[in-house]
Amino acid sequence: MATTARATVQVDNADVRVTEWRFAPGTATGHHRHEYDYVVVPMTDGELTLVTKEGNGAGKIAAGQAYFRKAGVEHDVRNDTPREIVFVEIEMKR
């Protein structure tokens, strides 16, 4: 079992939650379900492993290339690479 990636909440109010995620090699978020729509802004290039009930998949990210997902996504996100991967997640509560 992987150790937990480091999550640093930067903003958390009635409208949004902004969290910086730092994935050292071998770390993961743990299985979770997103209760809000969210945007991810990668700070580094890399490839994360996405673990879902359908199986594992690769999630390539590129620094500065944001993407959006709707609420309801369920997965574990793992860093199976030899280098740190960092992104900022912005959850829209309203």
Protein backbone atom coordinates (compact mmCIF):
# COMPACT_ATOMS: atom_id res chain seq x y z
CA MET A 1 0.00 0.00 0.00
CA ALA A 2 1.33 3.42 -0.98
CA THR A 3 1.86 6.19 1.53
CA THR A 4 -0.42 9.22 1.25
CA ALA A 5 0.43 12.09 -1.08
CA ARG A 6 0.81 15.44 0.71
CA ALA A 7 -2.27 17.68 0.46
CA THR A 8 -1.97 21.33 1.51
CA VAL A 9 -5.27 23.22 1.58
CA GLN A 10 -4.58 26.81 0.51
CA VAL A 11 -8.17 28.16 0.43
CA ASP A 12 -11.34 26.65 1.88
CA ASN A 13 -14.49 28.75 2.03
CA ALA A 14 -18.17 28.52 1.07
CA ASP A 15 -17.33 28.87 -2.65
CA VAL A 16 -14.12 26.91 -3.33
CA ARG A 17 -11.45 24.65 -1.90
CA VAL A 18 -7.93 24.96 -3.37
CA THR A 19 -5.51 22.16 -2.52
CA GLU A 20 -1.91 21.65 -3.60
CA TRP A 21 -1.15 17.94 -4.06
CA ARG A 22 2.47 16.72 -3.92
CA PHE A 23 3.04 13.14 -4.97
CA ALA A 24 6.46 11.83 -4.01
CA PRO A 25 7.34 8.60 -5.80
CA GLY A 26 5.19 5.75 -4.47
CA THR A 27 2.48 7.95 -2.89
CA ALA A 28 -1.28 8.04 -3.55
CA THR A 29 -4.43 9.93 -2.59
CA GLY A 30 -6.30 6.85 -1.44
CA HIS A 31 -9.64 5.92 -2.97
CA HIS A 32 -12.08 8.84 -2.90
CA ARG A 33 -15.16 10.32 -4.58
CA HIS A 34 -15.25 13.96 -5.71
CA GLU A 35 -18.34 15.65 -4.29
CA TYR A 36 -17.77 18.87 -6.28
CA ASP A 37 -16.90 19.80 -9.87
CA TYR A 38 -13.18 20.51 -10.01
CA VAL A 39 -10.29 21.85 -12.05
CA VAL A 40 -6.75 20.47 -11.86
CA VAL A 41 -3.80 22.71 -12.74
CA PRO A 42 -0.59 20.65 -13.10
CA MET A 43 2.56 22.32 -11.82
CA THR A 44 4.82 19.61 -13.25
CA ASP A 45 4.76 17.26 -16.21
CA GLY A 46 4.21 13.62 -15.39
CA GLU A 47 2.09 10.52 -15.54
CA LEU A 48 -0.13 9.43 -12.68
CA THR A 49 -1.83 6.04 -12.34
CA LEU A 50 -5.61 6.30 -12.01
CA VAL A 51 -7.19 3.35 -10.21
CA THR A 52 -10.94 2.94 -10.77
CA LYS A 53 -13.42 0.09 -10.46
CA GLU A 54 -12.91 -0.43 -14.21
CA GLY A 55 -9.15 -0.90 -13.74
CA ASN A 56 -5.95 1.12 -13.94
CA GLY A 57 -5.20 3.84 -16.46
CA ALA A 58 -2.50 6.40 -17.16
CA GLY A 59 -3.19 10.06 -16.56
CA LYS A 60 -0.60 12.18 -18.35
CA ILE A 61 -0.42 15.78 -17.17
CA ALA A 62 1.52 18.77 -18.48
CA ALA A 63 2.57 21.78 -16.45
CA GLY A 64 0.12 24.65 -16.91
CA GLN A 65 -2.43 22.63 -18.92
CA ALA A 66 -5.55 22.64 -16.73
CA TYR A 67 -8.44 20.21 -17.06
CA PHE A 68 -11.99 20.03 -15.68
CA ARG A 69 -13.99 17.11 -14.23
CA LYS A 70 -17.59 16.87 -13.01
CA ALA A 71 -18.47 15.80 -9.46
CA GLY A 72 -18.86 12.08 -8.90
CA VAL A 73 -15.47 10.87 -10.14
CA GLU A 74 -14.26 7.95 -7.99
CA HIS A 75 -10.64 6.87 -8.06
CA ASP A 76 -7.29 6.52 -6.36
CA VAL A 77 -4.46 8.57 -7.87
CA ARG A 78 -0.93 7.12 -7.56
CA ASN A 79 2.54 8.22 -8.53
CA ASP A 80 4.32 5.11 -9.79
CA THR A 81 7.15 7.17 -11.34
CA PRO A 82 10.60 7.95 -9.88
CA ARG A 83 9.99 11.73 -9.61
CA GLU A 84 7.69 14.07 -7.69
CA ILE A 85 4.47 15.19 -9.40
CA VAL A 86 2.59 18.31 -8.25
CA PHE A 87 -0.80 19.78 -9.12
CA VAL A 88 -3.31 22.24 -7.69
CA GLU A 89 -6.92 21.09 -7.42
CA ILE A 90 -9.73 23.68 -7.33
CA GLU A 91 -13.09 22.34 -6.14
CA MET A 92 -16.12 24.52 -6.92
CA LYS A 93 -18.59 24.23 -4.07
CA ARG A 94 -21.33 26.35 -5.68
